[in-house]
Amino acid sequence: MLKNFGYIKVEDDEILPGERLQSADLNEYSWDEFGRKFLGDVVQRGYVTIRDKLNLSMLGHYQKYSGAYYFDAVQRGKQDLWLDIDTIADNFEELHGERKDRFYLQDKLGELASVDVIQKDGDFVRSEKHIYEQVARGTPTA
């Protein structure tokens, strides 16, 4: 990855500074500052590359829509709670400040069910046990 981003180059099995390192004025930074900038840049560029290669852009979307269900289930302490689409729409609006059309939510919840994030039966949704347990462990309740 460092080679792809131009930080290093390899010549005759020897690792040398790449264009990005050669163009940086290393005297301008302390070692700590350089380390933070370098690492921050590598992480940012690496994340974008990995996200795009593995199509991980959907992960945020999964969390946003599944949260509209799991919010209620975890607060009530019920892994087997069935909620209807209208209740999930209310939760989504409460959590994100916007109302989503029930057909749009049906579509998103169908996608979540297809990857085993939730279970769906018509207009009703319930948790997947292993997902519920993970969410409940990391969520404070009232």
Protein backbone atom coordinates (compact mmCIF):
# COMPACT_ATOMS: atom_id res chain seq x y z
CA MET A 1 0.00 0.00 0.00
CA LEU A 2 2.84 2.44 0.80
CA LYS A 3 4.25 1.81 -2.65
CA ASN A 4 0.86 2.41 -4.31
CA PHE A 5 0.49 5.73 -2.48
CA GLY A 6 3.96 6.93 -3.50
CA TYR A 7 5.55 6.86 -0.05
CA ILE A 8 8.15 4.28 -0.99
CA LYS A 9 9.57 2.74 -4.14
CA VAL A 10 11.39 -0.53 -4.59
CA GLU A 11 14.48 -0.69 -6.78
CA ASP A 12 16.63 -3.82 -6.97
CA ASP A 13 14.93 -5.22 -3.85
CA GLU A 14 15.83 -2.04 -1.93
CA ILE A 15 13.19 0.15 -0.31
CA LEU A 16 13.70 3.85 -1.08
CA PRO A 17 11.70 7.00 -0.30
CA GLY A 18 8.93 7.59 -2.85
CA GLU A 19 7.78 10.88 -4.37
CA ARG A 20 5.50 11.78 -1.45
CA LEU A 21 8.34 11.44 1.06
CA GLN A 22 10.87 13.16 -1.19
CA SER A 23 8.56 16.12 -1.76
CA ALA A 24 7.89 16.64 1.96
CA ASP A 25 10.09 19.13 3.78
CA LEU A 26 11.03 16.84 6.62
CA ASN A 27 12.85 19.64 8.44
CA GLU A 28 9.54 21.45 8.78
CA TYR A 29 8.20 18.87 11.26
CA SER A 30 9.32 17.28 14.48
CA TRP A 31 9.45 13.47 14.38
CA ASP A 32 6.18 13.30 16.33
CA GLU A 33 4.45 15.72 13.96
CA PHE A 34 5.78 13.91 10.92
CA GLY A 35 4.68 10.56 12.33
CA ARG A 36 1.16 11.85 12.99
CA LYS A 37 0.87 13.47 9.56
CA PHE A 38 2.34 10.47 7.78
CA LEU A 39 0.23 7.94 9.65
CA GLY A 40 -2.90 10.09 9.30
CA ASP A 41 -2.39 10.41 5.56
CA VAL A 42 -1.72 6.69 5.12
CA VAL A 43 -4.79 5.74 7.17
CA GLN A 44 -7.01 8.18 5.27
CA ARG A 45 -5.79 7.08 1.84
CA GLY A 46 -5.80 3.43 2.89
CA TYR A 47 -9.33 3.58 4.23
CA VAL A 48 -10.66 5.05 0.99
CA THR A 49 -8.83 2.43 -1.05
CA ILE A 50 -9.97 -0.49 1.10
CA ARG A 51 -13.53 0.85 1.34
CA ASP A 52 -13.75 1.14 -2.45
CA LYS A 53 -12.13 -2.22 -3.19
CA LEU A 54 -14.32 -4.10 -0.72
CA ASN A 55 -17.47 -2.00 -1.29
CA LEU A 56 -17.65 -1.10 2.40
CA SER A 57 -19.52 2.15 1.80
CA MET A 58 -22.70 0.25 2.65
CA LEU A 59 -21.60 -0.34 6.25
CA GLY A 60 -22.64 3.12 7.43
CA HIS A 61 -25.95 2.71 5.68
CA TYR A 62 -26.51 -0.66 7.38
CA GLN A 63 -25.84 0.83 10.79
CA LYS A 64 -28.14 3.78 10.20
CA TYR A 65 -31.16 1.72 9.15
CA SER A 66 -30.64 -1.25 11.46
CA GLY A 67 -30.30 1.18 14.36
CA ALA A 68 -33.90 2.25 13.84
CA TYR A 69 -34.87 -1.28 14.87
CA TYR A 70 -32.14 -2.17 17.38
CA PHE A 71 -32.64 1.15 19.23
CA ASP A 72 -36.04 -0.05 20.43
CA ALA A 73 -35.13 -3.71 20.96
CA VAL A 74 -32.11 -2.94 23.12
CA GLN A 75 -33.88 -0.23 25.14
CA ARG A 76 -36.66 -2.73 25.92
CA GLY A 77 -34.19 -5.57 26.50
CA LYS A 78 -36.06 -7.84 24.08
CA GLN A 79 -34.04 -9.74 21.51
CA ASP A 80 -37.23 -11.27 20.07
CA LEU A 81 -39.12 -7.97 19.68
CA TRP A 82 -41.10 -7.67 16.44
CA LEU A 83 -41.60 -4.08 15.23
CA ASP A 84 -43.66 -2.85 12.31
CA ILE A 85 -42.39 -0.53 9.58
CA ASP A 86 -44.28 2.48 10.96
CA THR A 87 -42.62 2.12 14.38
CA ILE A 88 -39.23 1.78 12.70
CA ALA A 89 -40.00 4.92 10.67
CA ASP A 90 -40.80 6.76 13.92
CA ASN A 91 -37.53 5.53 15.47
CA PHE A 92 -35.56 6.55 12.38
CA GLU A 93 -37.07 10.04 12.53
CA GLU A 94 -36.29 10.32 16.25
CA LEU A 95 -32.69 9.17 15.76
CA HIS A 96 -31.84 11.00 12.53
CA GLY A 97 -34.28 13.91 12.37
CA GLU A 98 -35.78 12.93 9.02
CA ARG A 99 -38.81 10.94 7.99
CA LYS A 100 -38.35 8.14 5.46
CA ASP A 101 -41.12 6.80 3.24
CA ARG A 102 -42.34 3.36 4.33
CA PHE A 103 -41.55 1.85 0.88
CA TYR A 104 -38.03 3.21 1.06
CA LEU A 105 -37.63 1.71 4.53
CA GLN A 106 -39.09 -1.60 3.31
CA ASP A 107 -36.36 -1.69 0.68
CA LYS A 108 -33.55 -0.86 3.12
CA LEU A 109 -34.80 -3.36 5.69
CA GLY A 110 -35.01 -5.99 2.95
CA GLU A 111 -31.33 -5.37 2.18
CA LEU A 112 -30.49 -5.77 5.86
CA ALA A 113 -32.44 -9.02 6.04
CA SER A 114 -30.60 -10.34 2.97
CA VAL A 115 -27.27 -10.06 4.84
CA ASP A 116 -28.65 -11.41 8.15
CA VAL A 117 -28.56 -8.14 10.09
CA ILE A 118 -32.27 -8.45 10.88
CA GLN A 119 -35.13 -10.87 10.20
CA LYS A 120 -38.05 -9.60 8.16
CA ASP A 121 -41.56 -11.01 7.78
CA GLY A 122 -43.82 -8.77 5.71
CA ASP A 123 -44.12 -5.43 7.49
CA PHE A 124 -42.47 -6.75 10.66
CA VAL A 125 -38.82 -6.90 11.66
CA ARG A 126 -36.95 -8.59 14.50
CA SER A 127 -33.32 -8.97 15.46
CA GLU A 128 -30.76 -11.57 14.55
CA LYS A 129 -29.61 -12.98 17.90
CA HIS A 130 -25.85 -12.54 17.33
CA ILE A 131 -26.31 -8.95 16.11
CA TYR A 132 -28.59 -8.11 19.03
CA GLU A 133 -26.02 -9.43 21.50
CA GLN A 134 -23.25 -7.34 19.94
CA VAL A 135 -25.37 -4.18 19.88
CA ALA A 136 -26.67 -4.71 23.43
CA ARG A 137 -23.13 -5.17 24.80
CA GLY A 138 -22.04 -1.79 23.48
CA THR A 139 -25.20 0.20 24.20
CA PRO A 140 -26.06 1.89 27.50
CA THR A 141 -29.74 1.63 28.40
CA ALA A 142 -31.94 3.79 30.60
